[in-house]
Amino acid sequence: MGTVKLTQFIQPFGKRKKTSVELPDEVCEMSKGQILSCEMMPNDYSKVVFYSRKKEWEEEDEECEIANNGPGDNSPKNVLEQLIRRVNQMQDAPQDTKEAVDIDYKR
C-alpha cells in the first residue's frame, strides 16, 4: 500500500487542504501522472466528488466521479481508485476525442 495525495476543497469558500489516501502501490504509481482533488457536494454531505486529469491536460478536461461518504462498493476510497485507473487508461484528453454530433431536435 502507498499514499495518494490530493487537494480537498472545503466548503463553503473552497479553502484548499492537502489530504491523502492509502491505495495499492500500482494505483499510487498511476496517480503520479495525475492532478487529483475532491470536495463534498455543496448541499449533500453524504456525497464526495473526486476529480482527476493528467498533468498535461487542461483543467476543463477533468474527469469526475461521485462517491457515497461511507463504506461499501461506492466508498470514497474505491471510487478514487476507479477514477485513477480510468484516467490512466485514457490516451487523450476528453476534449480531444469528442466527435461532433448532429442531432435533429425538431420531431
Protein backbone atom coordinates (compact mmCIF):
# COMPACT_ATOMS: atom_id res chain seq x y z
CA MET A 1 0.00 0.00 0.00
CA GLY A 2 1.07 3.54 -0.72
CA THR A 3 -0.17 7.09 -0.35
CA VAL A 4 -2.06 9.07 -2.97
CA LYS A 5 -2.09 12.83 -2.37
CA LEU A 6 -4.90 15.12 -3.44
CA THR A 7 -6.28 18.59 -2.81
CA GLN A 8 -9.52 18.81 -0.85
CA PHE A 9 -11.72 21.86 -1.38
CA ILE A 10 -13.54 22.67 1.85
CA GLN A 11 -16.98 24.31 1.90
CA PRO A 12 -18.26 26.98 1.99
CA PHE A 13 -15.48 29.02 0.35
CA GLY A 14 -13.32 26.34 -1.25
CA LYS A 15 -10.35 26.60 1.10
CA ARG A 16 -7.69 24.13 -0.08
CA LYS A 17 -6.30 21.41 2.15
CA LYS A 18 -3.83 18.68 1.26
CA THR A 19 -5.06 15.19 2.12
CA SER A 20 -4.01 11.63 1.36
CA VAL A 21 -5.50 8.16 0.88
CA GLU A 22 -3.88 4.76 1.23
CA LEU A 23 -4.26 2.77 -2.03
CA PRO A 24 -2.45 -0.16 -3.69
CA ASP A 25 1.08 0.60 -4.89
CA GLU A 26 0.05 0.11 -8.54
CA VAL A 27 -2.62 2.81 -8.21
CA CYS A 28 -0.21 5.14 -6.38
CA GLU A 29 2.19 4.85 -9.31
CA MET A 30 -0.63 5.68 -11.77
CA SER A 31 -1.62 8.73 -9.71
CA LYS A 32 1.81 10.34 -10.11
CA GLY A 33 0.86 11.47 -13.61
CA GLN A 34 -2.44 12.96 -12.47
CA ILE A 35 -3.75 16.03 -10.66
CA LEU A 36 -6.32 14.89 -8.08
CA SER A 37 -8.83 16.82 -6.00
CA CYS A 38 -12.09 16.30 -4.14
CA GLU A 39 -14.93 18.13 -2.45
CA MET A 40 -18.16 17.41 -0.63
CA MET A 41 -21.34 18.03 -2.60
CA PRO A 42 -22.46 21.53 -1.56
CA ASN A 43 -25.94 20.55 -0.41
CA ASP A 44 -25.43 16.85 0.25
CA TYR A 45 -22.55 15.98 2.58
CA SER A 46 -23.29 12.29 2.08
CA LYS A 47 -21.56 12.56 -1.34
CA VAL A 48 -17.94 13.25 -2.28
CA VAL A 49 -16.87 14.32 -5.77
CA PHE A 50 -13.42 13.27 -6.99
CA TYR A 51 -11.69 14.97 -9.93
CA SER A 52 -8.70 13.77 -11.93
CA ARG A 53 -6.81 14.83 -15.01
CA LYS A 54 -3.45 14.01 -16.47
CA LYS A 55 -0.88 16.70 -15.76
CA GLU A 56 -0.62 17.66 -19.43
CA TRP A 57 -4.41 18.12 -19.80
CA GLU A 58 -6.29 21.40 -19.44
CA GLU A 59 -8.39 21.90 -16.31
CA GLU A 60 -11.64 21.66 -18.30
CA ASP A 61 -10.65 18.12 -19.32
CA GLU A 62 -11.02 16.80 -15.77
CA GLU A 63 -12.89 13.57 -15.28
CA CYS A 64 -15.03 13.15 -12.15
CA GLU A 65 -16.80 10.50 -10.10
CA ILE A 66 -19.24 10.78 -7.21
CA ALA A 67 -18.85 8.56 -4.13
CA ASN A 68 -21.03 7.90 -1.12
CA ASN A 69 -19.40 9.31 2.01
CA GLY A 70 -19.34 5.97 3.81
CA PRO A 71 -18.42 2.30 3.45
CA GLY A 72 -19.34 -0.02 0.58
CA ASP A 73 -18.63 -0.50 -3.10
CA ASN A 74 -19.18 3.20 -3.78
CA SER A 75 -16.98 4.36 -0.89
CA PRO A 76 -14.62 7.29 -1.46
CA LYS A 77 -11.57 5.04 -1.43
CA ASN A 78 -13.00 2.64 -4.04
CA VAL A 79 -14.28 5.42 -6.29
CA LEU A 80 -10.95 7.27 -6.18
CA GLU A 81 -9.12 4.10 -7.17
CA GLN A 82 -11.52 3.52 -10.09
CA LEU A 83 -11.12 7.12 -11.27
CA ILE A 84 -7.32 6.96 -11.17
CA ARG A 85 -7.34 3.70 -13.14
CA ARG A 86 -9.80 5.07 -15.73
CA VAL A 87 -7.87 8.32 -16.32
CA ASN A 88 -4.60 6.39 -16.51
CA GLN A 89 -6.00 4.29 -19.39
CA MET A 90 -7.09 7.33 -21.41
CA GLN A 91 -4.70 8.21 -24.22
CA ASP A 92 -6.05 11.71 -24.94
CA ALA A 93 -7.89 14.39 -23.04
CA PRO A 94 -11.68 14.01 -23.34
CA GLN A 95 -12.00 17.29 -25.30
CA ASP A 96 -9.55 15.96 -27.89
CA THR A 97 -11.58 12.83 -28.61
CA LYS A 98 -15.16 14.14 -28.72
CA GLU A 99 -16.83 13.92 -32.07
CA ALA A 100 -19.43 16.41 -33.19
CA VAL A 101 -22.93 15.00 -33.21
CA ASP A 102 -25.67 16.43 -35.39
CA ILE A 103 -28.95 15.98 -33.56
CA ASP A 104 -32.26 16.94 -35.10
CA TYR A 105 -34.40 18.19 -32.22
CA LYS A 106 -37.35 19.02 -34.50
CA ARG A 107 -39.53 15.94 -34.17
